[in-house]
PDB file of N, CA and C in Angstrom:
ATOM      1  N   MET A   1       7.207   8.933 -19.892  1.00  0.00           N
ATOM      2  CA  MET A   1       6.812   7.595 -20.270  1.00  0.00           C
ATOM      3  C   MET A   1       6.672   6.707 -19.041  1.00  0.00           C
ATOM      4  N   LEU A   2       7.601   6.795 -18.097  1.00  0.00           N
ATOM      5  CA  LEU A   2       7.533   5.962 -16.902  1.00  0.00           C
ATOM      6  C   LEU A   2       6.288   6.287 -16.085  1.00  0.00           C
ATOM      7  N   GLY A   3       5.975   7.558 -15.931  1.00  0.00           N
ATOM      8  CA  GLY A   3       4.775   7.951 -15.202  1.00  0.00           C
ATOM      9  C   GLY A   3       3.522   7.375 -15.824  1.00  0.00           C
ATOM     10  N   LEU A   4       3.486   7.347 -17.157  1.00  0.00           N
ATOM     11  CA  LEU A   4       2.357   6.781 -17.870  1.00  0.00           C
ATOM     12  C   LEU A   4       2.244   5.285 -17.606  1.00  0.00           C
ATOM     13  N   ARG A   5       3.381   4.602 -17.594  1.00  0.00           N
ATOM     14  CA  ARG A   5       3.370   3.165 -17.304  1.00  0.00           C
ATOM     15  C   ARG A   5       2.839   2.883 -15.905  1.00  0.00           C
ATOM     16  N   LEU A   6       3.293   3.649 -14.926  1.00  0.00           N
ATOM     17  CA  LEU A   6       2.836   3.441 -13.559  1.00  0.00           C
ATOM     18  C   LEU A   6       1.349   3.716 -13.436  1.00  0.00           C
ATOM     19  N   LYS A   7       0.887   4.736 -14.104  1.00  0.00           N
ATOM     20  CA  LYS A   7      -0.525   5.061 -14.057  1.00  0.00           C
ATOM     21  C   LYS A   7      -1.348   3.915 -14.660  1.00  0.00           C
ATOM     22  N   ASN A   8      -0.913   3.393 -15.791  1.00  0.00           N
ATOM     23  CA  ASN A   8      -1.618   2.280 -16.413  1.00  0.00           C
ATOM     24  C   ASN A   8      -1.498   1.009 -15.596  1.00  0.00           C
ATOM     25  N   HIS A   9      -0.368   0.841 -14.907  1.00  0.00           N
ATOM     26  CA  HIS A   9      -0.163  -0.327 -14.060  1.00  0.00           C
ATOM     27  C   HIS A   9      -1.243  -0.378 -12.985  1.00  0.00           C
ATOM     28  N   GLY A  10      -1.559   0.761 -12.383  1.00  0.00           N
ATOM     29  CA  GLY A  10      -2.602   0.810 -11.360  1.00  0.00           C
ATOM     30  C   GLY A  10      -3.943   0.362 -11.902  1.00  0.00           C
ATOM     31  N   CYS A  11      -4.267   0.771 -13.122  1.00  0.00           N
ATOM     32  CA  CYS A  11      -5.519   0.347 -13.751  1.00  0.00           C
ATOM     33  C   CYS A  11      -5.497  -1.151 -13.998  1.00  0.00           C
ATOM     34  N   PHE A  12      -4.361  -1.659 -14.417  1.00  0.00           N
ATOM     35  CA  PHE A  12      -4.218  -3.092 -14.666  1.00  0.00           C
ATOM     36  C   PHE A  12      -4.466  -3.881 -13.385  1.00  0.00           C
ATOM     37  N   ILE A  13      -3.831  -3.461 -12.287  1.00  0.00           N
ATOM     38  CA  ILE A  13      -4.020  -4.147 -11.000  1.00  0.00           C
ATOM     39  C   ILE A  13      -5.477  -4.078 -10.571  1.00  0.00           C
ATOM     40  N   ASN A  14      -6.096  -2.915 -10.713  1.00  0.00           N
ATOM     41  CA  ASN A  14      -7.495  -2.781 -10.302  1.00  0.00           C
ATOM     42  C   ASN A  14      -8.401  -3.717 -11.085  1.00  0.00           C
ATOM     43  N   ASN A  15      -8.059  -4.000 -12.342  1.00  0.00           N
ATOM     44  CA  ASN A  15      -8.856  -4.929 -13.143  1.00  0.00           C
ATOM     45  C   ASN A  15      -8.686  -6.374 -12.687  1.00  0.00           C
ATOM     46  N   LEU A  16      -7.576  -6.693 -12.044  1.00  0.00           N
ATOM     47  CA  LEU A  16      -7.338  -8.045 -11.543  1.00  0.00           C
ATOM     48  C   LEU A  16      -8.048  -8.316 -10.230  1.00  0.00           C
ATOM     49  N   LEU A  17      -8.306  -7.285  -9.470  1.00  0.00           N
ATOM     50  CA  LEU A  17      -8.876  -7.436  -8.133  1.00  0.00           C
ATOM     51  C   LEU A  17     -10.384  -7.603  -8.191  1.00  0.00           C
ATOM     52  N   PRO A  18     -10.933  -8.404  -7.283  1.00  0.00           N
ATOM     53  CA  PRO A  18     -12.386  -8.545  -7.246  1.00  0.00           C
ATOM     54  C   PRO A  18     -13.024  -7.242  -6.776  1.00  0.00           C
ATOM     55  N   ASP A  19     -14.180  -6.921  -7.335  1.00  0.00           N
ATOM     56  CA  ASP A  19     -14.909  -5.722  -6.940  1.00  0.00           C
ATOM     57  C   ASP A  19     -15.809  -6.079  -5.768  1.00  0.00           C
ATOM     58  N   VAL A  20     -15.474  -5.602  -4.580  1.00  0.00           N
ATOM     59  CA  VAL A  20     -16.242  -5.962  -3.379  1.00  0.00           C
ATOM     60  C   VAL A  20     -17.252  -4.894  -2.982  1.00  0.00           C
ATOM     61  N   ALA A  21     -17.297  -3.796  -3.724  1.00  0.00           N
ATOM     62  CA  ALA A  21     -18.219  -2.712  -3.388  1.00  0.00           C
ATOM     63  C   ALA A  21     -19.656  -3.215  -3.437  1.00  0.00           C
ATOM     64  N   GLY A  22     -20.355  -3.090  -2.321  1.00  0.00           N
ATOM     65  CA  GLY A  22     -21.750  -3.464  -2.247  1.00  0.00           C
ATOM     66  C   GLY A  22     -22.026  -4.959  -2.206  1.00  0.00           C
ATOM     67  N   LYS A  23     -21.007  -5.772  -2.116  1.00  0.00           N
ATOM     68  CA  LYS A  23     -21.207  -7.226  -2.085  1.00  0.00           C
ATOM     69  C   LYS A  23     -21.594  -7.688  -0.692  1.00  0.00           C
ATOM     70  N   SER A  24     -22.439  -8.709  -0.661  1.00  0.00           N
ATOM     71  CA  SER A  24     -22.767  -9.323   0.617  1.00  0.00           C
ATOM     72  C   SER A  24     -21.934 -10.595   0.744  1.00  0.00           C
ATOM     73  N   GLY A  25     -21.895 -11.144   1.941  1.00  0.00           N
ATOM     74  CA  GLY A  25     -21.155 -12.374   2.154  1.00  0.00           C
ATOM     75  C   GLY A  25     -19.659 -12.178   2.305  1.00  0.00           C
ATOM     76  N   LEU A  26     -19.236 -10.966   2.624  1.00  0.00           N
ATOM     77  CA  LEU A  26     -17.820 -10.715   2.853  1.00  0.00           C
ATOM     78  C   LEU A  26     -17.445 -11.146   4.260  1.00  0.00           C
ATOM     79  N   ILE A  27     -16.234 -11.615   4.424  1.00  0.00           N
ATOM     80  CA  ILE A  27     -15.756 -12.091   5.720  1.00  0.00           C
ATOM     81  C   ILE A  27     -14.566 -11.250   6.137  1.00  0.00           C
ATOM     82  N   SER A  28     -14.571 -10.856   7.400  1.00  0.00           N
ATOM     83  CA  SER A  28     -13.409 -10.122   7.906  1.00  0.00           C
ATOM     84  C   SER A  28     -12.433 -11.115   8.518  1.00  0.00           C
ATOM     85  N   PHE A  29     -11.156 -10.773   8.421  1.00  0.00           N
ATOM     86  CA  PHE A  29     -10.157 -11.543   9.138  1.00  0.00           C
ATOM     87  C   PHE A  29      -9.235 -10.586   9.847  1.00  0.00           C
ATOM     88  N   ILE A  30      -8.850 -10.995  11.058  1.00  0.00           N
ATOM     89  CA  ILE A  30      -8.059 -10.150  11.952  1.00  0.00           C
ATOM     90  C   ILE A  30      -6.713 -10.806  12.171  1.00  0.00           C
ATOM     91  N   ILE A  31      -5.682 -10.003  12.007  1.00  0.00           N
ATOM     92  CA  ILE A  31      -4.317 -10.477  12.204  1.00  0.00           C
ATOM     93  C   ILE A  31      -3.639  -9.560  13.203  1.00  0.00           C
ATOM     94  N   GLU A  32      -2.928 -10.155  14.153  1.00  0.00           N
ATOM     95  CA  GLU A  32      -2.088  -9.404  15.081  1.00  0.00           C
ATOM     96  C   GLU A  32      -0.649  -9.801  14.829  1.00  0.00           C
ATOM     97  N   GLY A  33       0.264  -8.922  15.197  1.00  0.00           N
ATOM     98  CA  GLY A  33       1.657  -9.279  15.025  1.00  0.00           C
ATOM     99  C   GLY A  33       2.598  -8.102  15.113  1.00  0.00           C
ATOM    100  N   ARG A  34       3.836  -8.371  14.730  1.00  0.00           N
ATOM    101  CA  ARG A  34       4.867  -7.346  14.738  1.00  0.00           C
ATOM    102  C   ARG A  34       4.511  -6.258  13.729  1.00  0.00           C
ATOM    103  N   ALA A  35       4.813  -5.030  14.092  1.00  0.00           N
ATOM    104  CA  ALA A  35       4.465  -3.888  13.244  1.00  0.00           C
ATOM    105  C   ALA A  35       5.054  -4.012  11.844  1.00  0.00           C
ATOM    106  N   GLU A  36       6.283  -4.502  11.742  1.00  0.00           N
ATOM    107  CA  GLU A  36       6.934  -4.623  10.427  1.00  0.00           C
ATOM    108  C   GLU A  36       6.196  -5.610   9.534  1.00  0.00           C
ATOM    109  N   ALA A  37       5.771  -6.718  10.105  1.00  0.00           N
ATOM    110  CA  ALA A  37       5.035  -7.725   9.332  1.00  0.00           C
ATOM    111  C   ALA A  37       3.676  -7.177   8.905  1.00  0.00           C
ATOM    112  N   LEU A  38       3.003  -6.493   9.827  1.00  0.00           N
ATOM    113  CA  LEU A  38       1.708  -5.900   9.490  1.00  0.00           C
ATOM    114  C   LEU A  38       1.865  -4.826   8.423  1.00  0.00           C
ATOM    115  N   ASP A  39       2.943  -4.049   8.505  1.00  0.00           N
ATOM    116  CA  ASP A  39       3.207  -3.041   7.477  1.00  0.00           C
ATOM    117  C   ASP A  39       3.299  -3.692   6.107  1.00  0.00           C
ATOM    118  N   ASP A  40       4.044  -4.785   6.027  1.00  0.00           N
ATOM    119  CA  ASP A  40       4.193  -5.502   4.761  1.00  0.00           C
ATOM    120  C   ASP A  40       2.854  -6.018   4.247  1.00  0.00           C
ATOM    121  N   LEU A  41       2.073  -6.620   5.123  1.00  0.00           N
ATOM    122  CA  LEU A  41       0.781  -7.150   4.707  1.00  0.00           C
ATOM    123  C   LEU A  41      -0.164  -6.048   4.235  1.00  0.00           C
ATOM    124  N   CYS A  42      -0.111  -4.910   4.911  1.00  0.00           N
ATOM    125  CA  CYS A  42      -1.028  -3.820   4.573  1.00  0.00           C
ATOM    126  C   CYS A  42      -0.687  -3.138   3.256  1.00  0.00           C
ATOM    127  N   ILE A  43       0.527  -3.364   2.743  1.00  0.00           N
ATOM    128  CA  ILE A  43       0.872  -2.814   1.423  1.00  0.00           C
ATOM    129  C   ILE A  43       1.019  -3.919   0.381  1.00  0.00           C
ATOM    130  N   HIS A  44       0.643  -5.138   0.732  1.00  0.00           N
ATOM    131  CA  HIS A  44       0.665  -6.243  -0.220  1.00  0.00           C
ATOM    132  C   HIS A  44      -0.281  -5.899  -1.368  1.00  0.00           C
ATOM    133  N   TRP A  45       0.114  -6.196  -2.599  1.00  0.00           N
ATOM    134  CA  TRP A  45      -0.648  -5.767  -3.784  1.00  0.00           C
ATOM    135  C   TRP A  45      -2.100  -6.242  -3.763  1.00  0.00           C
ATOM    136  N   PHE A  46      -2.366  -7.377  -3.149  1.00  0.00           N
ATOM    137  CA  PHE A  46      -3.735  -7.890  -3.096  1.00  0.00           C
ATOM    138  C   PHE A  46      -4.444  -7.430  -1.826  1.00  0.00           C
ATOM    139  N   LEU A  47      -3.790  -7.571  -0.689  1.00  0.00           N
ATOM    140  CA  LEU A  47      -4.449  -7.293   0.595  1.00  0.00           C
ATOM    141  C   LEU A  47      -4.702  -5.818   0.846  1.00  0.00           C
ATOM    142  N   GLU A  48      -3.856  -4.937   0.326  1.00  0.00           N
ATOM    143  CA  GLU A  48      -4.025  -3.513   0.625  1.00  0.00           C
ATOM    144  C   GLU A  48      -5.397  -2.996   0.197  1.00  0.00           C
ATOM    145  N   HIS A  49      -5.996  -3.602  -0.801  1.00  0.00           N
ATOM    146  CA  HIS A  49      -7.303  -3.165  -1.288  1.00  0.00           C
ATOM    147  C   HIS A  49      -8.443  -3.660  -0.412  1.00  0.00           C
ATOM    148  N   HIS A  50      -8.128  -4.509   0.555  1.00  0.00           N
ATOM    149  CA  HIS A  50      -9.149  -5.081   1.436  1.00  0.00           C
ATOM    150  C   HIS A  50      -8.961  -4.648   2.890  1.00  0.00           C
ATOM    151  N   LEU A  51      -7.993  -3.806   3.129  1.00  0.00           N
ATOM    152  CA  LEU A  51      -7.725  -3.335   4.491  1.00  0.00           C
ATOM    153  C   LEU A  51      -8.867  -2.446   4.977  1.00  0.00           C
ATOM    154  N   GLN A  52      -9.405  -2.766   6.154  1.00  0.00           N
ATOM    155  CA  GLN A  52     -10.493  -1.992   6.744  1.00  0.00           C
ATOM    156  C   GLN A  52     -10.024  -1.126   7.906  1.00  0.00           C
ATOM    157  N   GLU A  53      -9.103  -1.688   8.703  1.00  0.00           N
ATOM    158  CA  GLU A  53      -8.647  -0.967   9.895  1.00  0.00           C
ATOM    159  C   GLU A  53      -7.249  -1.442  10.244  1.00  0.00           C
ATOM    160  N   ARG A  54      -6.447  -0.517  10.756  1.00  0.00           N
ATOM    161  CA  ARG A  54      -5.077  -0.859  11.137  1.00  0.00           C
ATOM    162  C   ARG A  54      -4.715  -0.128  12.421  1.00  0.00           C
ATOM    163  N   THR A  55      -4.173  -0.866  13.375  1.00  0.00           N
ATOM    164  CA  THR A  55      -3.594  -0.270  14.576  1.00  0.00           C
ATOM    165  C   THR A  55      -2.131  -0.681  14.597  1.00  0.00           C
ATOM    166  N   SER A  56      -1.419  -0.328  15.637  1.00  0.00           N
ATOM    167  CA  SER A  56       0.000  -0.668  15.697  1.00  0.00           C
ATOM    168  C   SER A  56       0.239  -2.174  15.825  1.00  0.00           C
ATOM    169  N   THR A  57      -0.746  -2.912  16.330  1.00  0.00           N
ATOM    170  CA  THR A  57      -0.544  -4.348  16.544  1.00  0.00           C
ATOM    171  C   THR A  57      -1.563  -5.233  15.832  1.00  0.00           C
ATOM    172  N   GLN A  58      -2.467  -4.619  15.063  1.00  0.00           N
ATOM    173  CA  GLN A  58      -3.546  -5.403  14.475  1.00  0.00           C
ATOM    174  C   GLN A  58      -3.960  -4.832  13.116  1.00  0.00           C
ATOM    175  N   ALA A  59      -4.389  -5.723  12.231  1.00  0.00           N
ATOM    176  CA  ALA A  59      -4.955  -5.317  10.941  1.00  0.00           C
ATOM    177  C   ALA A  59      -6.229  -6.121  10.702  1.00  0.00           C
ATOM    178  N   ILE A  60      -7.242  -5.445  10.182  1.00  0.00           N
ATOM    179  CA  ILE A  60      -8.514  -6.082   9.867  1.00  0.00           C
ATOM    180  C   ILE A  60      -8.765  -5.907   8.373  1.00  0.00           C
ATOM    181  N   PHE A  61      -9.019  -7.036   7.708  1.00  0.00           N
ATOM    182  CA  PHE A  61      -9.274  -7.046   6.276  1.00  0.00           C
ATOM    183  C   PHE A  61     -10.668  -7.606   6.033  1.00  0.00           C
ATOM    184  N   LEU A  62     -11.255  -7.248   4.898  1.00  0.00           N
ATOM    185  CA  LEU A  62     -12.586  -7.719   4.540  1.00  0.00           C
ATOM    186  C   LEU A  62     -12.555  -8.157   3.079  1.00  0.00           C
ATOM    187  N   LEU A  63     -12.874  -9.445   2.828  1.00  0.00           N
ATOM    188  CA  LEU A  63     -12.911  -9.921   1.461  1.00  0.00           C
ATOM    189  C   LEU A  63     -13.809 -11.126   1.307  1.00  0.00           C
ATOM    190  N   GLU A  64     -13.970 -11.557   0.058  1.00  0.00           N
ATOM    191  CA  GLU A  64     -14.841 -12.685  -0.239  1.00  0.00           C
ATOM    192  C   GLU A  64     -14.278 -13.981   0.319  1.00  0.00           C
ATOM    193  N   GLU A  65     -15.181 -14.850   0.737  1.00  0.00           N
ATOM    194  CA  GLU A  65     -14.786 -16.122   1.339  1.00  0.00           C
ATOM    195  C   GLU A  65     -13.881 -16.936   0.412  1.00  0.00           C
ATOM    196  N   GLU A  66     -14.185 -16.946  -0.870  1.00  0.00           N
ATOM    197  CA  GLU A  66     -13.397 -17.713  -1.845  1.00  0.00           C
ATOM    198  C   GLU A  66     -11.915 -17.335  -1.785  1.00  0.00           C
ATOM    199  N   TYR A  67     -11.621 -16.057  -1.742  1.00  0.00           N
ATOM    200  CA  TYR A  67     -10.234 -15.596  -1.719  1.00  0.00           C
ATOM    201  C   TYR A  67      -9.600 -15.783  -0.347  1.00  0.00           C
ATOM    202  N   LEU A  68     -10.426 -15.660   0.687  1.00  0.00           N
ATOM    203  CA  LEU A  68      -9.915 -15.799   2.043  1.00  0.00           C
ATOM    204  C   LEU A  68      -9.304 -17.174   2.268  1.00  0.00           C
ATOM    205  N   TYR A  69      -9.931 -18.206   1.733  1.00  0.00           N
ATOM    206  CA  TYR A  69      -9.463 -19.555   2.001  1.00  0.00           C
ATOM    207  C   TYR A  69      -8.593 -20.149   0.897  1.00  0.00           C
ATOM    208  N   THR A  70      -8.480 -19.459  -0.245  1.00  0.00           N
ATOM    209  CA  THR A  70      -7.615 -19.963  -1.309  1.00  0.00           C
ATOM    210  C   THR A  70      -6.311 -19.181  -1.413  1.00  0.00           C
ATOM    211  N   HIS A  71      -6.395 -17.866  -1.433  1.00  0.00           N
ATOM    212  CA  HIS A  71      -5.209 -17.037  -1.650  1.00  0.00           C
ATOM    213  C   HIS A  71      -4.527 -16.581  -0.354  1.00  0.00           C
ATOM    214  N   VAL A  72      -5.320 -16.193   0.608  1.00  0.00           N
ATOM    215  CA  VAL A  72      -4.768 -15.592   1.828  1.00  0.00           C
ATOM    216  C   VAL A  72      -3.834 -16.525   2.600  1.00  0.00           C
ATOM    217  N   PRO A  73      -4.147 -17.818   2.760  1.00  0.00           N
ATOM    218  CA  PRO A  73      -3.192 -18.675   3.491  1.00  0.00           C
ATOM    219  C   PRO A  73      -1.790 -18.675   2.865  1.00  0.00           C
ATOM    220  N   ASN A  74      -1.729 -18.678   1.537  1.00  0.00           N
ATOM    221  CA  ASN A  74      -0.432 -18.654   0.866  1.00  0.00           C
ATOM    222  C   ASN A  74       0.293 -17.320   1.037  1.00  0.00           C
ATOM    223  N   ILE A  75      -0.461 -16.260   1.195  1.00  0.00           N
ATOM    224  CA  ILE A  75       0.139 -14.945   1.441  1.00  0.00           C
ATOM    225  C   ILE A  75       0.682 -14.877   2.864  1.00  0.00           C
ATOM    226  N   LEU A  76      -0.051 -15.456   3.819  1.00  0.00           N
ATOM    227  CA  LEU A  76       0.309 -15.344   5.234  1.00  0.00           C
ATOM    228  C   LEU A  76       1.411 -16.297   5.682  1.00  0.00           C
ATOM    229  N   LEU A  77       1.464 -17.476   5.096  1.00  0.00           N
ATOM    230  CA  LEU A  77       2.394 -18.507   5.558  1.00  0.00           C
ATOM    231  C   LEU A  77       3.846 -18.036   5.671  1.00  0.00           C
ATOM    232  N   PRO A  78       4.389 -17.293   4.711  1.00  0.00           N
ATOM    233  CA  PRO A  78       5.792 -16.866   4.821  1.00  0.00           C
ATOM    234  C   PRO A  78       6.088 -15.964   6.023  1.00  0.00           C
ATOM    235  N   TYR A  79       5.063 -15.405   6.637  1.00  0.00           N
ATOM    236  CA  TYR A  79       5.284 -14.518   7.782  1.00  0.00           C
ATOM    237  C   TYR A  79       5.524 -15.290   9.079  1.00  0.00           C
ATOM    238  N   GLY A  80       5.293 -16.592   9.043  1.00  0.00           N
ATOM    239  CA  GLY A  80       5.609 -17.449  10.179  1.00  0.00           C
ATOM    240  C   GLY A  80       5.048 -16.939  11.493  1.00  0.00           C
ATOM    241  N   LYS A  81       5.910 -16.874  12.501  1.00  0.00           N
ATOM    242  CA  LYS A  81       5.497 -16.479  13.853  1.00  0.00           C
ATOM    243  C   LYS A  81       5.428 -14.973  14.047  1.00  0.00           C
ATOM    244  N   SER A  82       5.729 -14.187  13.020  1.00  0.00           N
ATOM    245  CA  SER A  82       5.682 -12.733  13.182  1.00  0.00           C
ATOM    246  C   SER A  82       4.250 -12.205  13.152  1.00  0.00           C
ATOM    247  N   ILE A  83       3.300 -13.060  12.739  1.00  0.00           N
ATOM    248  CA  ILE A  83       1.880 -12.690  12.765  1.00  0.00           C
ATOM    249  C   ILE A  83       1.080 -13.834  13.373  1.00  0.00           C
ATOM    250  N   GLN A  84      -0.140 -13.504  13.774  1.00  0.00           N
ATOM    251  CA  GLN A  84      -1.060 -14.522  14.282  1.00  0.00           C
ATOM    252  C   GLN A  84      -2.462 -14.172  13.809  1.00  0.00           C
ATOM    253  N   VAL A  85      -3.136 -15.148  13.209  1.00  0.00           N
ATOM    254  CA  VAL A  85      -4.525 -14.959  12.815  1.00  0.00           C
ATOM    255  C   VAL A  85      -5.379 -15.062  14.071  1.00  0.00           C
ATOM    256  N   ILE A  86      -6.158 -14.038  14.327  1.00  0.00           N
ATOM    257  CA  ILE A  86      -7.050 -14.027  15.491  1.00  0.00           C
ATOM    258  C   ILE A  86      -8.392 -14.650  15.112  1.00  0.00           C
ATOM    259  N   GLU A  87      -8.906 -14.275  13.965  1.00  0.00           N
ATOM    260  CA  GLU A  87     -10.136 -14.866  13.446  1.00  0.00           C
ATOM    261  C   GLU A  87     -10.186 -14.670  11.944  1.00  0.00           C
ATOM    262  N   PRO A  88     -10.926 -15.505  11.260  1.00  0.00           N
ATOM    263  CA  PRO A  88     -11.786 -16.598  11.686  1.00  0.00           C
ATOM    264  C   PRO A  88     -10.998 -17.895  11.918  1.00  0.00           C
ATOM    265  N   GLN A  89     -11.596 -18.776  12.653  1.00  0.00           N
ATOM    266  CA  GLN A  89     -10.979 -20.059  12.964  1.00  0.00           C
ATOM    267  C   GLN A  89     -10.707 -20.873  11.698  1.00  0.00           C
ATOM    268  N   ASN A  90     -11.600 -20.786  10.714  1.00  0.00           N
ATOM    269  CA  ASN A  90     -11.404 -21.546   9.473  1.00  0.00           C
ATOM    270  C   ASN A  90     -10.125 -21.138   8.746  1.00  0.00           C
ATOM    271  N   LEU A  91      -9.736 -19.886   8.843  1.00  0.00           N
ATOM    272  CA  LEU A  91      -8.484 -19.446   8.233  1.00  0.00           C
ATOM    273  C   LEU A  91      -7.300 -20.049   8.984  1.00  0.00           C
ATOM    274  N   LYS A  92      -7.398 -20.099  10.306  1.00  0.00           N
ATOM    275  CA  LYS A  92      -6.356 -20.763  11.099  1.00  0.00           C
ATOM    276  C   LYS A  92      -6.235 -22.229  10.678  1.00  0.00           C
ATOM    277  N   ASN A  93      -7.377 -22.884  10.510  1.00  0.00           N
ATOM    278  CA  ASN A  93      -7.378 -24.290  10.105  1.00  0.00           C
ATOM    279  C   ASN A  93      -6.718 -24.482   8.745  1.00  0.00           C
ATOM    280  N   LYS A  94      -6.972 -23.577   7.810  1.00  0.00           N
ATOM    281  CA  LYS A  94      -6.347 -23.674   6.485  1.00  0.00           C
ATOM    282  C   LYS A  94      -4.834 -23.501   6.587  1.00  0.00           C
ATOM    283  N   LEU A  95      -4.380 -22.597   7.434  1.00  0.00           N
ATOM    284  CA  LEU A  95      -2.941 -22.406   7.628  1.00  0.00           C
ATOM    285  C   LEU A  95      -2.303 -23.652   8.233  1.00  0.00           C
ATOM    286  N   VAL A  96      -2.968 -24.265   9.192  1.00  0.00           N
ATOM    287  CA  VAL A  96      -2.463 -25.501   9.796  1.00  0.00           C
ATOM    288  C   VAL A  96      -2.363 -26.596   8.736  1.00  0.00           C
ATOM    289  N   ALA A  97      -3.389 -26.728   7.903  1.00  0.00           N
ATOM    290  CA  ALA A  97      -3.386 -27.751   6.854  1.00  0.00           C
ATOM    291  C   ALA A  97      -2.269 -27.496   5.845  1.00  0.00           C
ATOM    292  N   LEU A  98      -2.071 -26.251   5.469  1.00  0.00           N
ATOM    293  CA  LEU A  98      -1.022 -25.900   4.521  1.00  0.00           C
ATOM    294  C   LEU A  98       0.363 -26.183   5.102  1.00  0.00           C
ATOM    295  N   ALA A  99       0.570 -25.802   6.349  1.00  0.00           N
ATOM    296  CA  ALA A  99       1.855 -26.062   7.002  1.00  0.00           C
ATOM    297  C   ALA A  99       2.093 -27.564   7.152  1.00  0.00           C
ATOM    298  N   SER A 100       1.049 -28.320   7.452  1.00  0.00           N
ATOM    299  CA  SER A 100       1.174 -29.780   7.574  1.00  0.00           C
ATOM    300  C   SER A 100       1.545 -30.422   6.247  1.00  0.00           C
ATOM    301  N   GLU A 101       0.928 -29.940   5.163  1.00  0.00           N
ATOM    302  CA  GLU A 101       1.266 -30.454   3.829  1.00  0.00           C
ATOM    303  C   GLU A 101       2.735 -30.194   3.506  1.00  0.00           C
ATOM    304  N   LEU A 102       3.207 -29.020   3.823  1.00  0.00           N
ATOM    305  CA  LEU A 102       4.618 -28.694   3.568  1.00  0.00           C
ATOM    306  C   LEU A 102       5.542 -29.561   4.404  1.00  0.00           C
ATOM    307  N   MET A 103       5.164 -29.782   5.656  1.00  0.00           N
ATOM    308  CA  MET A 103       5.975 -30.609   6.537  1.00  0.00           C
ATOM    309  C   MET A 103       6.067 -32.040   5.985  1.00  0.00           C
ATOM    310  N   GLU A 104       4.920 -32.594   5.591  1.00  0.00           N
ATOM    311  CA  GLU A 104       4.895 -33.945   5.029  1.00  0.00           C
ATOM    312  C   GLU A 104       5.729 -34.027   3.751  1.00  0.00           C
ATOM    313  N   TYR A 105       5.632 -33.016   2.932  1.00  0.00           N
ATOM    314  CA  TYR A 105       6.381 -32.994   1.671  1.00  0.00           C
ATOM    315  C   TYR A 105       7.876 -33.029   1.920  1.00  0.00           C
ATOM    316  N   TYR A 106       8.343 -32.210   2.843  1.00  0.00           N
ATOM    317  CA  TYR A 106       9.771 -32.119   3.088  1.00  0.00           C
ATOM    318  C   TYR A 106      10.309 -33.264   3.935  1.00  0.00           C
ATOM    319  N   GLN A 107       9.436 -33.988   4.618  1.00  0.00           N
ATOM    320  CA  GLN A 107       9.891 -35.160   5.369  1.00  0.00           C
ATOM    321  C   GLN A 107      10.059 -36.379   4.475  1.00  0.00           C
ATOM    322  N   ALA A 108       9.446 -36.333   3.306  1.00  0.00           N
ATOM    323  CA  ALA A 108       9.526 -37.483   2.385  1.00  0.00           C
ATOM    324  C   ALA A 108      10.905 -37.609   1.761  1.00  0.00           C
TER     325      ALA A 108
END
């Protein structure tokens, strides 16, 4: 029974994820950082399906712009200084804006 649940769970997750096969307008983002942090990101339930390349110090993901600027900043923020976004610059800007909002909130 447990094996059946896990098998169905995978189908459920796949139905939640956007289908990027053959889509145009995908954006890559590059992250460098500590191996442990990159390991975590590369097995994240959402990001693992968008992983294109991984080295010991870098991971490259490819996904739709909508998700890159809405979901990804919230996924990356908890990793703090253990990772660094190399590109795109707009993703860096979103992280700065998100961190600034949190700072303002907690200073109030």
